[in-house]
PDB file of N, CA and C in Angstrom:
ATOM      1  N   MET A   1     108.844 120.645  98.035  1.00  0.00           N
ATOM      2  CA  MET A   1     107.853 120.134  97.154  1.00  0.00           C
ATOM      3  C   MET A   1     106.722 119.396  97.883  1.00  0.00           C
ATOM      4  N   LYS A   2     105.502 119.617  97.529  1.00  0.00           N
ATOM      5  CA  LYS A   2     104.380 119.012  98.201  1.00  0.00           C
ATOM      6  C   LYS A   2     104.275 117.450  97.867  1.00  0.00           C
ATOM      7  N   ASP A   3     103.997 116.734  98.857  1.00  0.00           N
ATOM      8  CA  ASP A   3     103.814 115.227  98.692  1.00  0.00           C
ATOM      9  C   ASP A   3     102.593 114.984  97.748  1.00  0.00           C
ATOM     10  N   PHE A   4     102.708 113.948  96.960  1.00  0.00           N
ATOM     11  CA  PHE A   4     101.573 113.517  96.011  1.00  0.00           C
ATOM     12  C   PHE A   4     100.374 113.150  96.872  1.00  0.00           C
ATOM     13  N   GLN A   5      99.182 113.680  96.567  1.00  0.00           N
ATOM     14  CA  GLN A   5      97.943 113.327  97.101  1.00  0.00           C
ATOM     15  C   GLN A   5      96.990 113.171  95.992  1.00  0.00           C
ATOM     16  N   ILE A   6      96.404 111.936  95.894  1.00  0.00           N
ATOM     17  CA  ILE A   6      95.534 111.649  94.755  1.00  0.00           C
ATOM     18  C   ILE A   6      94.304 112.575  94.727  1.00  0.00           C
ATOM     19  N   GLU A   7      93.851 112.974  95.935  1.00  0.00           N
ATOM     20  CA  GLU A   7      92.672 113.866  95.908  1.00  0.00           C
ATOM     21  C   GLU A   7      92.878 115.191  95.315  1.00  0.00           C
ATOM     22  N   ASP A   8      94.165 115.556  95.138  1.00  0.00           N
ATOM     23  CA  ASP A   8      94.460 116.815  94.417  1.00  0.00           C
ATOM     24  C   ASP A   8      94.105 116.791  92.864  1.00  0.00           C
ATOM     25  N   TYR A   9      93.968 115.534  92.385  1.00  0.00           N
ATOM     26  CA  TYR A   9      93.640 115.373  90.994  1.00  0.00           C
ATOM     27  C   TYR A   9      92.190 114.838  90.761  1.00  0.00           C
ATOM     28  N   LEU A  10      91.384 114.816  91.804  1.00  0.00           N
ATOM     29  CA  LEU A  10      89.910 114.494  91.624  1.00  0.00           C
ATOM     30  C   LEU A  10      89.218 115.783  91.441  1.00  0.00           C
ATOM     31  N   ASN A  11      88.860 116.125  90.228  1.00  0.00           N
ATOM     32  CA  ASN A  11      88.296 117.430  89.945  1.00  0.00           C
ATOM     33  C   ASN A  11      86.725 117.323  89.854  1.00  0.00           C
ATOM     34  N   ASP A  12      86.236 116.154  89.661  1.00  0.00           N
ATOM     35  CA  ASP A  12      84.677 116.083  89.523  1.00  0.00           C
ATOM     36  C   ASP A  12      84.298 114.608  89.800  1.00  0.00           C
ATOM     37  N   ASP A  13      83.039 114.357  89.699  1.00  0.00           N
ATOM     38  CA  ASP A  13      82.505 113.053  89.838  1.00  0.00           C
ATOM     39  C   ASP A  13      83.033 111.963  88.863  1.00  0.00           C
ATOM     40  N   ALA A  14      83.331 112.411  87.645  1.00  0.00           N
ATOM     41  CA  ALA A  14      83.820 111.496  86.708  1.00  0.00           C
ATOM     42  C   ALA A  14      85.240 110.998  87.064  1.00  0.00           C
ATOM     43  N   ASP A  15      86.102 111.893  87.640  1.00  0.00           N
ATOM     44  CA  ASP A  15      87.420 111.504  88.083  1.00  0.00           C
ATOM     45  C   ASP A  15      87.258 110.539  89.226  1.00  0.00           C
ATOM     46  N   ILE A  16      86.341 110.805  90.170  1.00  0.00           N
ATOM     47  CA  ILE A  16      86.145 109.895  91.341  1.00  0.00           C
ATOM     48  C   ILE A  16      85.681 108.499  90.854  1.00  0.00           C
ATOM     49  N   GLN A  17      84.696 108.477  89.895  1.00  0.00           N
ATOM     50  CA  GLN A  17      84.189 107.229  89.393  1.00  0.00           C
ATOM     51  C   GLN A  17      85.283 106.431  88.699  1.00  0.00           C
ATOM     52  N   ALA A  18      86.121 107.124  87.992  1.00  0.00           N
ATOM     53  CA  ALA A  18      87.221 106.414  87.255  1.00  0.00           C
ATOM     54  C   ALA A  18      88.277 105.907  88.172  1.00  0.00           C
ATOM     55  N   LEU A  19      88.532 106.606  89.256  1.00  0.00           N
ATOM     56  CA  LEU A  19      89.483 106.095  90.265  1.00  0.00           C
ATOM     57  C   LEU A  19      88.852 104.863  91.004  1.00  0.00           C
ATOM     58  N   LEU A  20      87.614 104.924  91.333  1.00  0.00           N
ATOM     59  CA  LEU A  20      86.997 103.778  92.045  1.00  0.00           C
ATOM     60  C   LEU A  20      86.942 102.681  91.128  1.00  0.00           C
ATOM     61  N   ASN A  21      86.697 102.753  89.811  1.00  0.00           N
ATOM     62  CA  ASN A  21      86.598 101.670  88.845  1.00  0.00           C
ATOM     63  C   ASN A  21      87.977 101.001  88.704  1.00  0.00           C
ATOM     64  N   ILE A  22      89.075 101.796  88.726  1.00  0.00           N
ATOM     65  CA  ILE A  22      90.432 101.257  88.550  1.00  0.00           C
ATOM     66  C   ILE A  22      90.830 100.560  89.835  1.00  0.00           C
ATOM     67  N   VAL A  23      90.528 101.074  91.022  1.00  0.00           N
ATOM     68  CA  VAL A  23      90.902 100.452  92.260  1.00  0.00           C
ATOM     69  C   VAL A  23      90.056  99.217  92.534  1.00  0.00           C
ATOM     70  N   ILE A  24      88.892  99.194  92.146  1.00  0.00           N
ATOM     71  CA  ILE A  24      88.033  98.016  92.372  1.00  0.00           C
ATOM     72  C   ILE A  24      88.515  96.912  91.414  1.00  0.00           C
ATOM     73  N   SER A  25      88.835  97.200  90.197  1.00  0.00           N
ATOM     74  CA  SER A  25      89.160  96.092  89.203  1.00  0.00           C
ATOM     75  C   SER A  25      90.678  95.730  89.277  1.00  0.00           C
ATOM     76  N   GLU A  26      91.524  96.575  89.716  1.00  0.00           N
ATOM     77  CA  GLU A  26      92.941  96.226  89.652  1.00  0.00           C
ATOM     78  C   GLU A  26      93.674  96.322  90.984  1.00  0.00           C
ATOM     79  N   GLY A  27      93.054  96.893  92.000  1.00  0.00           N
ATOM     80  CA  GLY A  27      93.753  97.273  93.267  1.00  0.00           C
ATOM     81  C   GLY A  27      93.539  96.144  94.377  1.00  0.00           C
ATOM     82  N   THR A  28      94.048  96.495  95.498  1.00  0.00           N
ATOM     83  CA  THR A  28      93.957  95.674  96.622  1.00  0.00           C
ATOM     84  C   THR A  28      92.942  96.224  97.571  1.00  0.00           C
ATOM     85  N   GLN A  29      92.632  95.440  98.682  1.00  0.00           N
ATOM     86  CA  GLN A  29      91.719  95.936  99.607  1.00  0.00           C
ATOM     87  C   GLN A  29      92.214  97.265 100.295  1.00  0.00           C
ATOM     88  N   GLU A  30      93.516  97.263 100.613  1.00  0.00           N
ATOM     89  CA  GLU A  30      94.135  98.394 101.177  1.00  0.00           C
ATOM     90  C   GLU A  30      94.054  99.624 100.354  1.00  0.00           C
ATOM     91  N   GLY A  31      94.285  99.323  99.009  1.00  0.00           N
ATOM     92  CA  GLY A  31      94.219 100.455  98.030  1.00  0.00           C
ATOM     93  C   GLY A  31      92.880 101.032  97.935  1.00  0.00           C
ATOM     94  N   PHE A  32      91.848 100.083  97.953  1.00  0.00           N
ATOM     95  CA  PHE A  32      90.450 100.561  97.938  1.00  0.00           C
ATOM     96  C   PHE A  32      90.013 101.468  99.118  1.00  0.00           C
ATOM     97  N   ILE A  33      90.502 100.996 100.344  1.00  0.00           N
ATOM     98  CA  ILE A  33      90.247 101.788 101.483  1.00  0.00           C
ATOM     99  C   ILE A  33      90.966 103.093 101.424  1.00  0.00           C
ATOM    100  N   GLU A  34      92.200 103.202 100.947  1.00  0.00           N
ATOM    101  CA  GLU A  34      92.861 104.391 100.829  1.00  0.00           C
ATOM    102  C   GLU A  34      92.161 105.359  99.778  1.00  0.00           C
ATOM    103  N   CYS A  35      91.669 104.721  98.760  1.00  0.00           N
ATOM    104  CA  CYS A  35      90.935 105.488  97.746  1.00  0.00           C
ATOM    105  C   CYS A  35      89.679 106.178  98.381  1.00  0.00           C
ATOM    106  N   ILE A  36      88.939 105.487  99.208  1.00  0.00           N
ATOM    107  CA  ILE A  36      87.783 106.006  99.927  1.00  0.00           C
ATOM    108  C   ILE A  36      88.200 107.138 100.782  1.00  0.00           C
ATOM    109  N   ARG A  37      89.376 106.952 101.497  1.00  0.00           N
ATOM    110  CA  ARG A  37      89.808 107.962 102.359  1.00  0.00           C
ATOM    111  C   ARG A  37      90.192 109.302 101.545  1.00  0.00           C
ATOM    112  N   ALA A  38      90.780 109.108 100.423  1.00  0.00           N
ATOM    113  CA  ALA A  38      91.207 110.258  99.541  1.00  0.00           C
ATOM    114  C   ALA A  38      89.922 110.957  99.027  1.00  0.00           C
ATOM    115  N   ILE A  39      88.931 110.221  98.693  1.00  0.00           N
ATOM    116  CA  ILE A  39      87.726 110.840  98.261  1.00  0.00           C
ATOM    117  C   ILE A  39      87.068 111.677  99.356  1.00  0.00           C
ATOM    118  N   ALA A  40      87.061 111.054 100.559  1.00  0.00           N
ATOM    119  CA  ALA A  40      86.576 111.727 101.679  1.00  0.00           C
ATOM    120  C   ALA A  40      87.267 113.026 101.943  1.00  0.00           C
ATOM    121  N   ARG A  41      88.649 113.003 101.949  1.00  0.00           N
ATOM    122  CA  ARG A  41      89.399 114.227 102.140  1.00  0.00           C
ATOM    123  C   ARG A  41      89.116 115.260 101.071  1.00  0.00           C
ATOM    124  N   ARG A  42      88.930 114.852  99.818  1.00  0.00           N
ATOM    125  CA  ARG A  42      88.526 115.762  98.755  1.00  0.00           C
ATOM    126  C   ARG A  42      87.231 116.470  98.997  1.00  0.00           C
ATOM    127  N   LYS A  43      86.329 115.759  99.626  1.00  0.00           N
ATOM    128  CA  LYS A  43      84.995 116.267  99.969  1.00  0.00           C
ATOM    129  C   LYS A  43      84.954 116.810 101.399  1.00  0.00           C
ATOM    130  N   SER A  44      86.090 116.927 102.066  1.00  0.00           N
ATOM    131  CA  SER A  44      86.176 117.454 103.383  1.00  0.00           C
ATOM    132  C   SER A  44      85.268 116.655 104.394  1.00  0.00           C
ATOM    133  N   ILE A  45      85.325 115.419 104.291  1.00  0.00           N
ATOM    134  CA  ILE A  45      84.564 114.509 105.181  1.00  0.00           C
ATOM    135  C   ILE A  45      85.472 113.751 106.021  1.00  0.00           C
ATOM    136  N   GLU A  46      85.253 113.722 107.338  1.00  0.00           N
ATOM    137  CA  GLU A  46      86.138 112.982 108.263  1.00  0.00           C
ATOM    138  C   GLU A  46      85.479 111.566 108.310  1.00  0.00           C
ATOM    139  N   LEU A  47      86.335 110.544 108.211  1.00  0.00           N
ATOM    140  CA  LEU A  47      85.905 109.160 108.241  1.00  0.00           C
ATOM    141  C   LEU A  47      86.592 108.471 109.357  1.00  0.00           C
ATOM    142  N   ASN A  48      85.898 107.459 109.956  1.00  0.00           N
ATOM    143  CA  ASN A  48      86.416 106.494 110.904  1.00  0.00           C
ATOM    144  C   ASN A  48      86.271 105.204 110.114  1.00  0.00           C
ATOM    145  N   LEU A  49      87.270 104.780 109.348  1.00  0.00           N
ATOM    146  CA  LEU A  49      87.090 103.697 108.426  1.00  0.00           C
ATOM    147  C   LEU A  49      87.895 102.473 108.810  1.00  0.00           C
ATOM    148  N   ASP A  50      87.262 101.377 109.073  1.00  0.00           N
ATOM    149  CA  ASP A  50      87.916 100.098 109.336  1.00  0.00           C
ATOM    150  C   ASP A  50      87.821  99.298 108.095  1.00  0.00           C
ATOM    151  N   SER A  51      88.431  98.143 108.033  1.00  0.00           N
ATOM    152  CA  SER A  51      88.436  97.326 106.765  1.00  0.00           C
ATOM    153  C   SER A  51      87.306  96.418 106.689  1.00  0.00           C
ATOM    154  N   ASP A  52      86.343  96.397 107.594  1.00  0.00           N
ATOM    155  CA  ASP A  52      85.241  95.443 107.523  1.00  0.00           C
ATOM    156  C   ASP A  52      84.227  95.979 106.561  1.00  0.00           C
ATOM    157  N   PHE A  53      83.387  95.062 106.025  1.00  0.00           N
ATOM    158  CA  PHE A  53      82.402  95.412 104.938  1.00  0.00           C
ATOM    159  C   PHE A  53      81.431  96.499 105.343  1.00  0.00           C
ATOM    160  N   ASP A  54      80.891  96.434 106.590  1.00  0.00           N
ATOM    161  CA  ASP A  54      79.953  97.499 106.964  1.00  0.00           C
ATOM    162  C   ASP A  54      80.545  98.857 107.058  1.00  0.00           C
ATOM    163  N   SER A  55      81.825  98.934 107.553  1.00  0.00           N
ATOM    164  CA  SER A  55      82.490 100.153 107.665  1.00  0.00           C
ATOM    165  C   SER A  55      82.756 100.796 106.222  1.00  0.00           C
ATOM    166  N   ILE A  56      83.156  99.964 105.362  1.00  0.00           N
ATOM    167  CA  ILE A  56      83.387 100.391 103.921  1.00  0.00           C
ATOM    168  C   ILE A  56      82.051 100.862 103.288  1.00  0.00           C
ATOM    169  N   ARG A  57      80.945 100.132 103.589  1.00  0.00           N
ATOM    170  CA  ARG A  57      79.673 100.557 103.027  1.00  0.00           C
ATOM    171  C   ARG A  57      79.285 101.865 103.581  1.00  0.00           C
ATOM    172  N   LYS A  58      79.397 102.035 104.861  1.00  0.00           N
ATOM    173  CA  LYS A  58      78.907 103.371 105.436  1.00  0.00           C
ATOM    174  C   LYS A  58      79.873 104.411 104.983  1.00  0.00           C
ATOM    175  N   ALA A  59      81.102 104.201 104.846  1.00  0.00           N
ATOM    176  CA  ALA A  59      82.082 105.284 104.280  1.00  0.00           C
ATOM    177  C   ALA A  59      81.676 105.617 102.885  1.00  0.00           C
ATOM    178  N   LEU A  60      81.483 104.722 102.077  1.00  0.00           N
ATOM    179  CA  LEU A  60      81.112 104.991 100.692  1.00  0.00           C
ATOM    180  C   LEU A  60      79.775 105.814 100.673  1.00  0.00           C
ATOM    181  N   ASN A  61      78.796 105.426 101.510  1.00  0.00           N
ATOM    182  CA  ASN A  61      77.571 106.133 101.564  1.00  0.00           C
ATOM    183  C   ASN A  61      77.806 107.535 101.987  1.00  0.00           C
ATOM    184  N   SER A  62      78.720 107.748 102.933  1.00  0.00           N
ATOM    185  CA  SER A  62      78.853 109.113 103.455  1.00  0.00           C
ATOM    186  C   SER A  62      79.544 110.036 102.396  1.00  0.00           C
ATOM    187  N   ILE A  63      80.203 109.449 101.412  1.00  0.00           N
ATOM    188  CA  ILE A  63      80.839 110.398 100.332  1.00  0.00           C
ATOM    189  C   ILE A  63      80.000 110.329  99.180  1.00  0.00           C
ATOM    190  N   GLY A  64      78.778 109.762  99.227  1.00  0.00           N
ATOM    191  CA  GLY A  64      77.914 109.870  98.057  1.00  0.00           C
ATOM    192  C   GLY A  64      77.867 108.666  97.152  1.00  0.00           C
ATOM    193  N   TYR A  65      78.412 107.531  97.602  1.00  0.00           N
ATOM    194  CA  TYR A  65      78.417 106.354  96.704  1.00  0.00           C
ATOM    195  C   TYR A  65      77.743 105.166  97.395  1.00  0.00           C
ATOM    196  N   LYS A  66      77.243 104.189  96.629  1.00  0.00           N
ATOM    197  CA  LYS A  66      76.658 103.007  97.153  1.00  0.00           C
ATOM    198  C   LYS A  66      77.427 101.798  96.827  1.00  0.00           C
ATOM    199  N   PHE A  67      77.777 101.022  97.795  1.00  0.00           N
ATOM    200  CA  PHE A  67      78.485  99.802  97.546  1.00  0.00           C
ATOM    201  C   PHE A  67      77.504  98.664  97.446  1.00  0.00           C
ATOM    202  N   VAL A  68      77.464  98.075  96.235  1.00  0.00           N
ATOM    203  CA  VAL A  68      76.489  96.925  95.958  1.00  0.00           C
ATOM    204  C   VAL A  68      77.219  95.771  95.510  1.00  0.00           C
ATOM    205  N   VAL A  69      76.885  94.597  96.006  1.00  0.00           N
ATOM    206  CA  VAL A  69      77.442  93.335  95.657  1.00  0.00           C
ATOM    207  C   VAL A  69      76.359  92.527  94.876  1.00  0.00           C
ATOM    208  N   ILE A  70      76.809  92.145  93.655  1.00  0.00           N
ATOM    209  CA  ILE A  70      75.881  91.505  92.762  1.00  0.00           C
ATOM    210  C   ILE A  70      76.567  90.187  92.343  1.00  0.00           C
ATOM    211  N   PRO A  71      75.730  89.157  91.968  1.00  0.00           N
ATOM    212  CA  PRO A  71      76.387  87.858  91.501  1.00  0.00           C
ATOM    213  C   PRO A  71      77.278  88.086  90.273  1.00  0.00           C
ATOM    214  N   SER A  72      78.308  87.480  90.177  1.00  0.00           N
ATOM    215  CA  SER A  72      79.121  87.525  88.909  1.00  0.00           C
ATOM    216  C   SER A  72      78.664  86.580  87.849  1.00  0.00           C
ATOM    217  N   ASP A  73      79.064  86.775  86.666  1.00  0.00           N
ATOM    218  CA  ASP A  73      78.619  85.803  85.620  1.00  0.00           C
ATOM    219  C   ASP A  73      79.547  84.649  85.487  1.00  0.00           C
ATOM    220  N   ILE A  74      80.468  84.489  86.460  1.00  0.00           N
ATOM    221  CA  ILE A  74      81.449  83.371  86.389  1.00  0.00           C
ATOM    222  C   ILE A  74      80.777  81.992  86.771  1.00  0.00           C
TER     223      ILE A  74
END
């Protein structure tokens, strides 16, 4: 039996956006980074991804997303 790979279930941009929203709101930094890696694998993009902000920003940009930090309403 094949191991579970989240990227096998990312069929379109809506699936990717939903996954990113869930991981950003409920996940950990490690989960977020793994999510980015899964999206890159789905898009056949090789990433050299560290856990620092600039690396994450560049990785998201390379898979077609923009990482934006805005002030919260808190």
